[in-house]
Amino acid sequence: MEWLGIGVFIIALALAVGIGFLIPVLNKLTKTLDQTAQVIGQAEKSITEVTGEVKLVLYNTNETLLDVNQKVRKLDPIFDTIEDAGNASHHLTSTLAHFTEEKMNHVKTGVDVTKQKNVKGFVRAVAFIYYLRKKKKERNVDPIVRMAMKE
């Protein structure tokens, strides 16, 4: 029985030493957990504050977007008018370019006619003017009469 008592004593002594070493570790663990709880509490407060600020920023952003959209809608007719003016000016310039090209073709034809007839100097200028007047009179004639003249 002595050996049994010695064995129990050694086990009891080992448990006491083990508990002695575990007490500071458990105290440190308790302090660490307390600090972690404090940090989490502060984080929750910060998140609550940031969430409120984010909600305010999002609300202001939505209001700004609504205001911008309303102002853009007011500008749409102006942009439509500018587009119409651009289309009209494009049509005008293309018509003028076509008209100018047509007149240049008549002038080139008149120059070619005066070259073919071998006319020079002042007489050439008079022949050129005569040709242009003749073409103008042909253009002013009724289209039905013009077709009859071509046949």
Protein backbone atom coordinates (compact mmCIF):
# COMPACT_ATOMS: atom_id res chain seq x y z
CA MET A 1 0.00 0.00 0.00
CA GLU A 2 2.89 2.25 0.46
CA TRP A 3 3.57 2.16 -3.20
CA LEU A 4 -0.01 3.01 -3.93
CA GLY A 5 0.15 6.00 -1.61
CA ILE A 6 3.41 7.16 -3.17
CA GLY A 7 1.89 6.82 -6.64
CA VAL A 8 -1.20 8.80 -5.69
CA PHE A 9 1.04 11.43 -4.05
CA ILE A 10 3.15 11.75 -7.22
CA ILE A 11 0.02 12.06 -9.35
CA ALA A 12 -1.41 14.69 -6.97
CA LEU A 13 1.90 16.57 -7.00
CA ALA A 14 1.99 16.45 -10.84
CA LEU A 15 -1.56 17.78 -11.02
CA ALA A 16 -0.70 20.60 -8.60
CA VAL A 17 2.38 21.57 -10.65
CA GLY A 18 0.34 21.34 -13.88
CA ILE A 19 -2.38 23.53 -12.41
CA GLY A 20 0.30 25.94 -11.20
CA PHE A 21 1.56 26.31 -14.78
CA LEU A 22 -1.93 26.50 -16.25
CA ILE A 23 -3.16 29.32 -13.95
CA PRO A 24 -0.99 32.09 -15.56
CA VAL A 25 -1.80 30.79 -19.05
CA LEU A 26 -5.51 30.80 -18.30
CA ASN A 27 -5.24 34.31 -16.77
CA LYS A 28 -3.51 35.56 -19.96
CA LEU A 29 -6.17 33.85 -22.06
CA THR A 30 -8.89 35.56 -20.02
CA LYS A 31 -7.25 38.98 -20.48
CA THR A 32 -6.85 38.36 -24.22
CA LEU A 33 -10.49 37.36 -24.55
CA ASP A 34 -11.58 40.46 -22.59
CA GLN A 35 -9.53 42.69 -24.89
CA THR A 36 -10.95 40.91 -27.94
CA ALA A 37 -14.47 41.55 -26.63
CA GLN A 38 -13.63 45.25 -26.17
CA VAL A 39 -12.20 45.49 -29.71
CA ILE A 40 -15.27 43.79 -31.16
CA GLY A 41 -17.52 46.20 -29.22
CA GLN A 42 -15.58 49.19 -30.58
CA ALA A 43 -15.74 47.72 -34.09
CA GLU A 44 -19.51 47.34 -33.81
CA LYS A 45 -19.82 51.00 -32.75
CA SER A 46 -17.57 52.11 -35.61
CA ILE A 47 -19.50 50.00 -38.11
CA THR A 48 -22.76 51.50 -36.86
CA GLU A 49 -21.37 55.03 -37.31
CA VAL A 50 -19.92 54.25 -40.74
CA THR A 51 -23.18 52.59 -41.81
CA GLY A 52 -25.08 55.75 -40.90
CA GLU A 53 -22.64 57.90 -42.86
CA VAL A 54 -22.77 55.55 -45.85
CA LYS A 55 -26.57 55.72 -45.84
CA LEU A 56 -26.37 59.52 -45.82
CA VAL A 57 -23.85 59.55 -48.68
CA LEU A 58 -26.00 57.14 -50.72
CA TYR A 59 -29.09 59.24 -50.12
CA ASN A 60 -27.24 62.41 -51.23
CA THR A 61 -25.87 60.59 -54.26
CA ASN A 62 -29.35 59.45 -55.28
CA GLU A 63 -30.69 62.99 -54.87
CA THR A 64 -27.83 64.35 -56.98
CA LEU A 65 -28.48 61.76 -59.69
CA LEU A 66 -32.17 62.63 -59.77
CA ASP A 67 -31.29 66.32 -60.08
CA VAL A 68 -28.78 65.64 -62.88
CA ASN A 69 -31.28 63.44 -64.74
CA GLN A 70 -33.93 66.15 -64.48
CA LYS A 71 -31.52 68.77 -65.84
CA VAL A 72 -30.42 66.49 -68.68
CA ARG A 73 -34.08 65.96 -69.62
CA LYS A 74 -34.45 69.74 -69.83
CA LEU A 75 -31.43 69.89 -72.16
CA ASP A 76 -32.70 67.18 -74.53
CA PRO A 77 -34.81 69.59 -76.64
CA ILE A 78 -31.80 71.87 -77.04
CA PHE A 79 -29.70 68.96 -78.29
CA ASP A 80 -32.52 67.94 -80.63
CA THR A 81 -32.64 71.49 -82.01
CA ILE A 82 -28.86 71.49 -82.49
CA GLU A 83 -29.10 68.16 -84.30
CA ASP A 84 -31.86 69.52 -86.57
CA ALA A 85 -29.77 72.63 -87.29
CA GLY A 86 -26.79 70.42 -88.12
CA ASN A 87 -28.87 68.29 -90.47
CA ALA A 88 -30.28 71.39 -92.15
CA SER A 89 -26.83 72.93 -92.61
CA HIS A 90 -25.55 69.62 -93.99
CA HIS A 91 -28.44 69.51 -96.46
CA LEU A 92 -27.81 73.14 -97.45
CA THR A 93 -24.09 72.65 -98.00
CA SER A 94 -24.62 69.45 -100.00
CA THR A 95 -27.23 71.24 -102.15
CA LEU A 96 -24.86 74.18 -102.68
CA ALA A 97 -22.03 71.81 -103.53
CA HIS A 98 -24.23 70.05 -106.08
CA PHE A 99 -25.39 73.38 -107.54
CA THR A 100 -21.80 74.66 -107.74
CA GLU A 101 -20.63 71.45 -109.38
CA GLU A 102 -23.42 71.72 -111.94
CA LYS A 103 -22.48 75.34 -112.73
CA MET A 104 -18.80 74.40 -113.01
CA ASN A 105 -19.72 71.66 -115.48
CA HIS A 106 -21.61 74.23 -117.60
CA VAL A 107 -18.62 76.59 -117.47
CA LYS A 108 -16.20 73.79 -118.43
CA THR A 109 -18.47 72.82 -121.30
CA GLY A 110 -18.56 76.46 -122.43
CA VAL A 111 -14.76 76.66 -122.27
CA ASP A 112 -14.50 73.46 -124.28
CA VAL A 113 -16.93 74.82 -126.90
CA THR A 114 -14.89 78.02 -127.30
CA LYS A 115 -11.69 75.96 -127.61
CA GLN A 116 -13.26 73.74 -130.27
CA LYS A 117 -14.30 76.71 -132.34
CA ASN A 118 -10.75 78.07 -131.97
CA VAL A 119 -11.97 81.43 -130.70
CA LYS A 120 -9.43 83.69 -128.96
CA GLY A 121 -9.30 86.89 -126.94
CA PHE A 122 -12.30 89.19 -126.58
CA VAL A 123 -14.37 87.19 -129.04
CA ARG A 124 -13.78 84.10 -126.91
CA ALA A 125 -15.15 85.90 -123.83
CA VAL A 126 -18.20 87.07 -125.79
CA ALA A 127 -18.78 83.53 -127.16
CA PHE A 128 -18.46 82.14 -123.64
CA ILE A 129 -21.05 84.61 -122.27
CA TYR A 130 -23.36 83.84 -125.18
CA TYR A 131 -23.06 80.10 -124.46
CA LEU A 132 -23.86 80.59 -120.76
CA ARG A 133 -26.95 82.73 -121.57
CA LYS A 134 -28.15 80.14 -124.01
CA LYS A 135 -27.81 77.41 -121.37
CA LYS A 136 -29.66 79.60 -118.84
CA LYS A 137 -32.56 80.09 -121.26
CA GLU A 138 -32.68 76.34 -121.90
CA ARG A 139 -32.84 75.70 -118.18
CA ASN A 140 -35.71 78.20 -117.72
CA VAL A 141 -37.81 76.51 -120.42
CA ASP A 142 -40.68 74.27 -119.30
CA PRO A 143 -39.51 70.64 -118.79
CA ILE A 144 -42.03 69.32 -121.34
CA VAL A 145 -40.79 71.74 -123.99
CA ARG A 146 -37.18 70.84 -123.12
CA MET A 147 -37.91 67.16 -123.72
CA ALA A 148 -39.52 68.01 -127.07
CA MET A 149 -36.44 70.08 -128.05
CA LYS A 150 -34.13 67.16 -127.31
CA GLU A 151 -36.10 64.84 -129.61
